Amino acid sequence: MVDGAQRRVLRDGVDGFELVADLAAISDAPWNEIATHPSGRVYVNGVGFDMIAGDTPTTGHIAVIDTDGSVRQVADELAFPNGMAIVAAGAQLVVAESHAGRITSFTIAPDGDLTDRATLAELPGGAPDGLCVTGDGTIWYADVPNRHCRRIGLDGTVVETITADRGCFSCTLSPDGDLFILSGSPPQEMIRISSDSGDVQSLGRLPESVEGSYTLASALADGSVLAERATWDGGYKVSPVILDPESGEVSVLTDNGARAVL
């Protein structure tokens, strides 16, 4: 997971969270999204400025954490990089550029470098945010201003669109192919689209008593959803939480990996 405010990447180890890499040497601004390559390399993007602190907007970047733990920058000049994923059996990386209204692709070189930068999809009037990849290689992306979650092919062709009554902030797929969508405006609402029937089901709004905004990370085998909770209390902080779609409960993950309901 990305601990964006502390400029580092962590993993859930046997005895709690362990440090994978410190990203501060590349950028002291908060980091954002993560994608893991089949080789074991990890790609992390950062927007390049602290939006919460009111910094002047600038362009962002992507770094790769190699299997030996070394870190280097592999892309720059990205307009607020957001959702990111590895596609085409590890041959490509795609990233949403929210402030440019497009999804950008790169070829992943054998050494992990990113080459052949290209526009996968131009989205006039859109602001792609979180994204995820389906089993057939198509990409779902969430769009806040257009209030929809849209599926596109690797050629940019629109395959399917799910609309909502509020902006769609992030999305993820369950192991059985159900799509979870999280709205962006508080109180945030979670929606599930069945892979079998296509039925759209509202799972309710997250408790307003739980402070923070949420971004979906991945659906778990037990039906719950791993998410990140961003809070501001004199400083920006991101922490992992578990959302239970059935009960609406939000649980924080403690340092030893246990769940504690908020």
Protein backbone atom coordinates (compact mmCIF):
# COMPACT_ATOMS: atom_id res chain seq x y z
CA MET A 1 0.00 0.00 0.00
CA VAL A 2 0.99 3.63 -0.53
CA ASP A 3 1.39 5.72 2.62
CA GLY A 4 1.20 8.86 0.52
CA ALA A 5 1.60 11.41 3.28
CA GLN A 6 4.75 9.73 4.61
CA ARG A 7 6.19 9.23 1.09
CA ARG A 8 6.62 5.47 1.44
CA VAL A 9 5.26 2.08 0.36
CA LEU A 10 4.33 -0.53 2.96
CA ARG A 11 3.32 -4.18 2.88
CA ASP A 12 1.34 -6.28 5.33
CA GLY A 13 3.92 -8.63 6.82
CA VAL A 14 3.68 -11.40 9.41
CA ASP A 15 4.19 -8.98 12.31
CA GLY A 16 2.40 -5.95 10.86
CA PHE A 17 3.23 -3.37 8.22
CA GLU A 18 6.75 -3.41 6.81
CA LEU A 19 8.59 -0.71 4.86
CA VAL A 20 9.09 -1.58 1.18
CA ALA A 21 10.53 1.71 -0.06
CA ASP A 22 11.02 5.36 0.88
CA LEU A 23 9.95 7.65 -1.98
CA ALA A 24 10.94 10.99 -0.45
CA ALA A 25 14.20 11.19 -2.42
CA ILE A 26 12.20 11.35 -5.65
CA SER A 27 9.45 13.70 -4.45
CA ASP A 28 8.53 15.16 -1.08
CA ALA A 29 4.94 15.73 -2.27
CA PRO A 30 2.31 13.11 -1.33
CA TRP A 31 2.20 9.92 -3.40
CA ASN A 32 -0.98 8.44 -4.79
CA GLU A 33 -1.66 5.15 -6.65
CA ILE A 34 0.14 1.81 -6.95
CA ALA A 35 0.31 -1.09 -9.43
CA THR A 36 2.24 -4.36 -9.08
CA HIS A 37 3.92 -6.04 -12.05
CA PRO A 38 4.11 -9.85 -12.41
CA SER A 39 7.92 -9.55 -12.13
CA GLY A 40 7.55 -8.25 -8.58
CA ARG A 41 8.31 -4.64 -9.48
CA VAL A 42 5.97 -2.02 -8.03
CA TYR A 43 4.94 1.20 -9.80
CA VAL A 44 3.81 4.20 -7.75
CA ASN A 45 2.62 7.59 -8.97
CA GLY A 46 2.59 10.99 -7.34
CA VAL A 47 0.76 14.14 -8.36
CA GLY A 48 3.81 16.33 -7.73
CA PHE A 49 2.24 18.80 -5.29
CA ASP A 50 0.29 18.84 -2.03
CA MET A 51 -3.27 19.68 -3.05
CA ILE A 52 -4.57 19.64 0.53
CA ALA A 53 -1.95 22.16 1.63
CA GLY A 54 -2.87 24.48 -1.24
CA ASP A 55 0.33 24.10 -3.25
CA THR A 56 0.42 25.47 -6.79
CA PRO A 57 -0.48 22.60 -9.16
CA THR A 58 2.33 21.08 -11.17
CA THR A 59 2.83 17.84 -13.08
CA GLY A 60 3.34 14.42 -11.54
CA HIS A 61 5.48 11.35 -12.09
CA ILE A 62 5.77 7.56 -11.81
CA ALA A 63 8.47 5.70 -9.91
CA VAL A 64 9.33 2.01 -9.98
CA ILE A 65 10.47 -0.01 -6.98
CA ASP A 66 12.68 -2.79 -8.29
CA THR A 67 12.88 -6.28 -6.78
CA ASP A 68 16.11 -5.31 -4.98
CA GLY A 69 14.32 -2.41 -3.25
CA SER A 70 15.91 0.35 -5.32
CA VAL A 71 13.69 3.20 -6.50
CA ARG A 72 13.90 5.36 -9.61
CA GLN A 73 11.66 7.69 -11.59
CA VAL A 74 10.44 6.24 -14.90
CA ALA A 75 7.92 8.86 -16.15
CA ASP A 76 7.15 12.54 -15.61
CA GLU A 77 5.02 15.40 -16.93
CA LEU A 78 1.76 13.65 -15.98
CA ALA A 79 -1.32 15.82 -15.36
CA PHE A 80 -2.46 14.62 -11.92
CA PRO A 81 -1.79 10.88 -12.30
CA ASN A 82 -4.48 8.82 -10.61
CA GLY A 83 -5.71 5.25 -11.16
CA MET A 84 -3.02 2.96 -12.56
CA ALA A 85 -2.85 -0.68 -13.66
CA ILE A 86 -0.68 -3.24 -15.43
CA VAL A 87 -2.35 -4.67 -18.57
CA ALA A 88 -1.59 -6.88 -21.61
CA ALA A 89 -0.03 -9.66 -19.50
CA GLY A 90 2.51 -7.28 -18.00
CA ALA A 91 3.50 -5.62 -21.26
CA GLN A 92 1.85 -2.23 -20.63
CA LEU A 93 1.04 0.22 -17.85
CA VAL A 94 -1.98 2.51 -18.05
CA VAL A 95 -2.58 5.58 -15.91
CA ALA A 96 -5.45 8.07 -15.62
CA GLU A 97 -4.40 11.70 -16.04
CA SER A 98 -7.28 13.42 -14.24
CA HIS A 99 -6.36 17.01 -15.12
CA ALA A 100 -5.82 16.20 -18.82
CA GLY A 101 -8.99 14.17 -19.38
CA ARG A 102 -7.19 11.14 -20.78
CA ILE A 103 -5.84 7.68 -20.06
CA THR A 104 -2.20 7.22 -21.02
CA SER A 105 -0.33 4.00 -21.79
CA PHE A 106 3.33 3.00 -21.63
CA THR A 107 5.23 -0.05 -22.81
CA ILE A 108 7.05 -1.74 -19.92
CA ALA A 109 10.65 -2.52 -20.91
CA PRO A 110 12.41 -5.66 -19.63
CA ASP A 111 14.33 -3.56 -17.07
CA GLY A 112 11.11 -1.90 -15.81
CA ASP A 113 11.52 1.40 -17.62
CA LEU A 114 8.42 2.96 -19.22
CA THR A 115 8.66 3.68 -22.95
CA ASP A 116 6.42 4.39 -25.96
CA ARG A 117 4.15 6.84 -24.17
CA ALA A 118 0.80 7.08 -25.97
CA THR A 119 -2.75 8.28 -25.39
CA LEU A 120 -5.02 5.28 -24.90
CA ALA A 121 -8.23 7.30 -24.66
CA GLU A 122 -9.07 11.01 -24.94
CA LEU A 123 -11.96 11.88 -22.60
CA PRO A 124 -13.15 15.42 -23.42
CA GLY A 125 -14.90 16.91 -20.40
CA GLY A 126 -13.90 13.92 -18.28
CA ALA A 127 -11.65 13.46 -15.29
CA PRO A 128 -10.71 9.78 -15.00
CA ASP A 129 -9.93 8.81 -11.43
CA GLY A 130 -9.63 5.27 -10.07
CA LEU A 131 -9.44 2.36 -12.53
CA CYS A 132 -9.20 -1.43 -12.60
CA VAL A 133 -8.65 -4.16 -15.19
CA THR A 134 -11.09 -6.97 -16.04
CA GLY A 135 -10.28 -10.58 -16.82
CA ASP A 136 -10.70 -9.93 -20.56
CA GLY A 137 -8.23 -7.04 -20.49
CA THR A 138 -10.70 -4.18 -20.72
CA ILE A 139 -10.43 -1.27 -18.27
CA TRP A 140 -13.05 0.24 -15.97
CA TYR A 141 -12.43 3.84 -14.92
CA ALA A 142 -14.38 6.10 -12.57
CA ASP A 143 -15.26 9.69 -13.56
CA VAL A 144 -16.43 12.18 -10.93
CA PRO A 145 -17.77 15.10 -13.06
CA ASN A 146 -19.56 12.80 -15.53
CA ARG A 147 -21.06 10.66 -12.76
CA HIS A 148 -20.27 7.37 -14.40
CA CYS A 149 -17.97 4.37 -14.42
CA ARG A 150 -16.98 3.37 -17.97
CA ARG A 151 -15.34 0.29 -19.49
CA ILE A 152 -13.01 0.71 -22.46
CA GLY A 153 -10.85 -1.58 -24.57
CA LEU A 154 -7.09 -1.23 -24.99
CA ASP A 155 -7.83 0.59 -28.24
CA GLY A 156 -9.88 3.21 -26.32
CA THR A 157 -13.25 1.95 -27.61
CA VAL A 158 -16.13 2.40 -25.14
CA VAL A 159 -17.60 -1.01 -24.20
CA GLU A 160 -20.01 -0.17 -21.37
CA THR A 161 -21.09 2.73 -19.14
CA ILE A 162 -22.68 2.62 -15.66
CA THR A 163 -24.23 5.92 -14.57
CA ALA A 164 -24.80 7.09 -11.00
CA ASP A 165 -26.57 9.96 -9.25
CA ARG A 166 -23.22 11.36 -8.04
CA GLY A 167 -19.60 11.39 -9.12
CA CYS A 168 -17.84 8.01 -9.31
CA PHE A 169 -14.54 8.17 -7.46
CA SER A 170 -13.00 4.70 -7.63
CA CYS A 171 -13.77 1.14 -8.70
CA THR A 172 -12.50 -2.39 -8.20
CA LEU A 173 -13.42 -5.95 -9.16
CA SER A 174 -14.18 -8.85 -6.84
CA PRO A 175 -12.57 -12.28 -7.43
CA ASP A 176 -15.82 -13.44 -9.10
CA GLY A 177 -15.98 -10.40 -11.39
CA ASP A 178 -18.51 -8.17 -9.60
CA LEU A 179 -17.73 -4.47 -10.01
CA PHE A 180 -17.68 -2.24 -6.92
CA ILE A 181 -17.99 1.52 -7.43
CA LEU A 182 -17.50 4.18 -4.75
CA SER A 183 -18.99 7.62 -5.18
CA GLY A 184 -16.89 10.70 -4.50
CA SER A 185 -19.29 13.08 -2.71
CA PRO A 186 -19.87 12.54 1.02
CA PRO A 187 -21.59 10.59 2.30
CA GLN A 188 -19.93 8.17 -0.09
CA GLU A 189 -22.06 5.37 -1.53
CA MET A 190 -20.88 1.91 -2.56
CA ILE A 191 -22.52 0.21 -5.56
CA ARG A 192 -22.12 -3.38 -6.76
CA ILE A 193 -22.77 -4.54 -10.34
CA SER A 194 -23.26 -8.31 -10.63
CA SER A 195 -21.06 -10.02 -13.22
CA ASP A 196 -23.74 -12.70 -13.70
CA SER A 197 -26.93 -10.67 -14.10
CA GLY A 198 -25.69 -7.12 -14.60
CA ASP A 199 -27.96 -6.01 -11.74
CA VAL A 200 -26.95 -2.74 -10.08
CA GLN A 201 -27.27 -2.82 -6.29
CA SER A 202 -26.70 0.04 -3.87
CA LEU A 203 -24.88 -1.22 -0.78
CA GLY A 204 -25.64 1.98 1.11
CA ARG A 205 -23.70 5.04 2.08
CA LEU A 206 -20.67 4.89 4.33
CA PRO A 207 -21.34 6.04 7.88
CA GLU A 208 -21.11 9.82 8.15
CA SER A 209 -19.80 9.41 11.68
CA VAL A 210 -16.58 7.95 10.29
CA GLU A 211 -14.41 10.89 9.28
CA GLY A 212 -12.46 10.75 6.05
CA SER A 213 -12.78 10.11 2.32
CA TYR A 214 -12.33 6.65 0.87
CA THR A 215 -10.74 5.11 -2.23
CA LEU A 216 -11.33 1.46 -3.17
CA ALA A 217 -8.19 -0.67 -3.46
CA SER A 218 -9.32 -4.27 -4.02
CA ALA A 219 -12.15 -6.67 -3.24
CA LEU A 220 -11.26 -9.56 -0.94
CA ALA A 221 -12.21 -13.23 -1.10
CA ASP A 222 -14.54 -12.93 1.93
CA GLY A 223 -16.70 -10.32 0.16
CA SER A 224 -15.29 -7.30 1.98
CA VAL A 225 -13.40 -4.52 0.24
CA LEU A 226 -9.96 -3.14 1.08
CA ALA A 227 -9.90 0.65 0.86
CA GLU A 228 -7.76 3.63 1.81
CA ARG A 229 -9.10 6.31 4.14
CA ALA A 230 -7.66 9.81 3.80
CA THR A 231 -8.05 12.17 6.75
CA TRP A 232 -6.81 15.64 7.61
CA ASP A 233 -5.98 16.55 11.20
CA GLY A 234 -3.18 19.09 11.03
CA GLY A 235 -1.62 16.83 8.39
CA TYR A 236 -2.66 14.53 5.56
CA LYS A 237 -2.87 10.85 6.55
CA VAL A 238 -3.84 7.73 4.59
CA SER A 239 -4.66 4.47 6.36
CA PRO A 240 -5.94 1.06 5.19
CA VAL A 241 -9.51 0.13 6.14
CA ILE A 242 -11.93 -2.72 5.38
CA LEU A 243 -15.47 -1.94 4.14
CA ASP A 244 -18.17 -4.57 4.76
CA PRO A 245 -20.73 -4.18 1.93
CA GLU A 246 -23.43 -6.07 3.80
CA SER A 247 -23.29 -4.38 7.22
CA GLY A 248 -21.84 -1.03 6.18
CA GLU A 249 -19.22 -1.34 8.91
CA VAL A 250 -15.81 0.25 8.49
CA SER A 251 -12.88 -1.48 10.18
CA VAL A 252 -9.37 -0.15 10.57
CA LEU A 253 -6.41 -2.47 10.08
CA THR A 254 -4.16 -2.41 13.11
CA ASP A 255 -0.37 -2.79 12.97
CA ASN A 256 -0.65 -6.56 13.52
CA GLY A 257 -3.21 -6.95 10.70
CA ALA A 258 -6.27 -7.39 12.94
CA ARG A 259 -9.58 -5.58 12.20
CA ALA A 260 -11.15 -3.12 14.62
CA VAL A 261 -14.57 -1.68 13.81
CA LEU A 262 -14.69 2.13 13.89
